[in-house]
Protein backbone atom coordinates (compact mmCIF):
# COMPACT_ATOMS: atom_id res chain seq x y z
CA MET A 1 89.58 83.02 97.26
CA ILE A 2 92.28 81.38 99.33
CA GLU A 3 92.62 82.88 102.81
CA PRO A 4 96.27 83.60 103.64
CA GLN A 5 98.06 82.69 106.83
CA THR A 6 99.07 85.80 108.74
CA ARG A 7 102.10 86.54 110.91
CA LEU A 8 103.02 89.72 112.77
CA PHE A 9 106.59 90.20 114.00
CA PRO A 10 108.14 92.52 116.61
CA PRO A 11 111.43 94.24 115.80
CA SER A 12 114.36 91.81 115.59
CA GLN A 13 118.06 92.67 115.88
CA GLY A 14 118.09 95.66 113.53
CA VAL A 15 115.06 94.61 111.45
CA PRO A 16 112.09 96.89 112.16
CA ASN A 17 109.34 94.62 110.80
CA ASN A 18 105.95 96.25 110.43
CA PRO A 19 104.32 97.22 113.73
CA ALA A 20 100.74 97.05 112.41
CA LEU A 21 100.44 94.97 109.24
CA PRO A 22 100.88 91.19 109.14
CA VAL A 23 102.81 89.18 106.57
CA LEU A 24 100.38 87.32 104.29
CA ILE A 25 101.30 83.78 103.24
CA TYR A 26 99.25 82.36 100.37
CA ARG A 27 99.64 78.64 99.68
CA ALA A 28 99.12 77.24 96.16
CA ALA A 29 97.29 80.43 95.15
CA LEU A 30 98.96 81.13 91.80
CA PRO A 31 100.01 79.20 88.69
CA ALA A 32 103.55 77.83 88.71
CA ASP A 33 104.53 79.96 85.72
CA ALA A 34 106.32 83.34 85.80
CA GLY A 35 104.48 84.81 82.81
CA ALA A 36 101.07 83.76 84.13
CA ILE A 37 101.93 85.16 87.58
CA GLU A 38 102.97 88.50 86.05
CA THR A 39 99.74 88.72 84.04
CA HIS A 40 97.63 87.90 87.12
CA VAL A 41 99.44 90.23 89.53
CA ASN A 42 99.61 93.14 87.07
CA ALA A 43 95.85 92.75 86.42
CA ASN A 44 95.35 93.03 90.19
CA GLY A 45 96.99 96.45 90.28
CA TRP A 46 100.51 95.58 91.44
CA GLU A 47 103.62 96.04 89.30
CA CYS A 48 105.85 93.03 88.64
CA ARG A 49 109.38 94.40 88.44
CA TRP A 50 111.81 91.50 88.53
CA ARG A 51 112.43 87.76 88.33
CA ASN A 52 115.18 86.22 90.45
CA GLY A 53 115.63 84.60 93.87
CA ILE A 54 115.71 85.97 97.42
CA PHE A 55 118.95 87.29 98.91
CA ASP A 56 120.64 84.94 101.39
CA TYR A 57 121.09 87.73 103.96
CA HIS A 58 118.56 89.51 106.16
CA HIS A 59 117.19 92.60 104.47
CA PHE A 60 114.05 94.70 104.44
CA HIS A 61 112.40 97.56 102.54
CA SER A 62 111.09 100.45 104.65
CA THR A 63 109.77 102.38 101.63
CA ALA A 64 107.58 99.76 99.93
CA HIS A 65 105.37 96.73 100.45
CA GLU A 66 106.63 93.69 98.51
CA ALA A 67 104.98 90.61 97.03
CA LEU A 68 107.16 87.56 96.37
CA MET A 69 105.48 84.93 94.19
CA VAL A 70 107.13 81.55 93.64
CA ALA A 71 107.10 80.70 89.93
CA SER A 72 109.15 77.50 90.23
CA GLY A 73 111.06 75.42 92.74
CA ARG A 74 111.02 75.60 96.50
CA ALA A 75 112.92 77.27 99.31
CA ARG A 76 113.23 77.71 103.04
CA VAL A 77 113.05 81.39 103.96
CA GLN A 78 113.24 83.25 107.23
CA ILE A 79 110.82 86.12 107.69
CA GLY A 80 110.77 88.61 110.54
CA GLY A 81 114.53 88.89 111.04
CA GLU A 82 116.87 86.78 113.14
CA ASP A 83 114.14 86.08 115.71
CA GLY A 84 111.47 85.44 113.05
CA ASP A 85 109.99 82.27 111.57
CA THR A 86 111.40 79.84 109.03
CA ILE A 87 108.88 78.72 106.43
CA GLU A 88 108.90 76.53 103.34
CA ILE A 89 107.59 78.04 100.12
CA ALA A 90 106.99 76.30 96.80
CA ALA A 91 105.76 77.00 93.28
CA GLY A 92 102.36 78.70 93.40
CA ASP A 93 102.88 80.23 96.87
CA ALA A 94 103.02 83.98 97.50
CA LEU A 95 104.36 86.08 100.36
CA VAL A 96 103.09 89.63 100.78
CA LEU A 97 105.49 91.50 103.03
CA PRO A 98 104.44 94.81 104.54
CA ALA A 99 107.09 97.54 104.52
CA GLY A 100 109.85 96.85 107.05
CA THR A 101 109.55 93.06 107.11
CA GLY A 102 112.87 91.23 107.25
CA HIS A 103 113.43 88.27 104.96
CA ARG A 104 116.21 86.03 103.64
CA ARG A 105 116.65 82.74 101.79
CA LEU A 106 118.13 79.88 103.79
CA THR A 107 118.06 77.14 101.13
CA ALA A 108 116.56 76.77 97.66
CA SER A 109 116.20 74.24 94.88
CA GLY A 110 118.18 74.86 91.70
CA ASP A 111 115.04 75.90 89.81
CA PHE A 112 113.83 78.38 92.47
CA LEU A 113 112.40 81.51 90.81
CA ILE A 114 110.54 84.43 92.36
CA VAL A 115 108.50 87.15 90.68
CA GLY A 116 108.76 90.37 92.72
CA ALA A 117 106.00 93.00 92.68
CA TYR A 118 105.13 96.29 94.39
CA PRO A 119 102.13 98.60 94.59
CA PRO A 120 102.21 101.38 91.98
CA GLY A 121 104.41 104.31 92.93
CA GLN A 122 106.33 102.45 95.63
CA ASP A 123 110.07 102.13 95.20
CA TYR A 124 112.05 99.76 97.36
CA GLN A 125 115.48 100.25 98.85
CA ILE A 126 117.45 97.26 100.08
CA GLU A 127 118.29 97.83 103.73
CA ARG A 128 120.33 95.59 106.01
CA PRO A 129 119.92 95.24 109.78
CA GLU A 130 123.56 95.97 110.58
CA ALA A 131 123.27 99.39 108.90
CA ALA A 132 119.69 100.16 109.93
CA ASP A 133 118.65 103.44 111.51
CA LEU A 134 115.51 102.09 113.21
CA PRO A 135 113.89 105.45 114.07
CA ARG A 136 114.28 106.53 110.43
CA ALA A 137 113.03 103.13 109.21
CA PHE A 138 109.91 103.26 111.41
CA ALA A 139 109.17 106.81 110.20
CA ALA A 140 109.51 105.66 106.57
CA ILE A 141 107.31 102.59 107.18
CA ALA A 142 104.56 104.82 108.64
CA ARG A 143 104.54 106.88 105.41
CA VAL A 144 104.08 103.91 103.03
CA PRO A 145 100.47 104.01 101.79
CA LEU A 146 98.27 100.95 101.94
CA PRO A 147 97.78 99.29 98.56
CA SER A 148 94.30 99.53 97.06
CA SER A 149 94.32 95.86 96.05
CA ASP A 150 95.70 92.45 96.88
CA PRO A 151 98.29 91.12 94.37
CA VAL A 152 96.73 87.65 94.60
CA GLY A 153 93.02 88.44 95.09
CA GLY A 154 92.56 91.86 93.52
CA ALA A 155 90.43 94.71 94.90
CA ALA A 156 88.27 92.32 96.95
CA GLY A 157 91.19 90.17 98.14
CA PRO A 158 92.04 89.47 101.78
CA LEU A 159 94.78 92.11 101.97
CA THR A 160 92.22 94.92 101.74
CA ARG A 161 90.48 93.50 104.82
CA LEU A 162 93.54 92.37 106.80
CA TRP A 163 95.65 95.50 106.21
CA LYS A 164 93.46 98.24 107.60
CA GLY A 165 96.42 100.06 109.12
């Protein structure tokens, strides 16, 4: 099993980020094929719900954890809000964002495609920093249950060890 890179971010200009759980960055961990990614992630207990890109503005989800798997292409994304980190992602990479983590696309290739997934029962709302009510967002983040499995590694994957809450 590939061990992910981890990053933890403090709040950033209206983006709460997650105070306890790190972002997980998996490199070359999945096939570069949307259908194969969906089969793999669904078998690991997460629900693939959409195929598209990443918005080009800072946003976050305080009501759900989110997995973003790159099916094709490459992009530069910023995670953690305005004060966060810029990273390059490419086909086969996966980002697992704990509830509250800011993210946006800076640049992308023409063939950039993401598969988005969430733990069962978690519904995301798109929230923007300029409209954020941070006390409400932090309260919502605290109520989001930990997933029982890792979308990349399954029940024994690194997420279950790294996200102890």
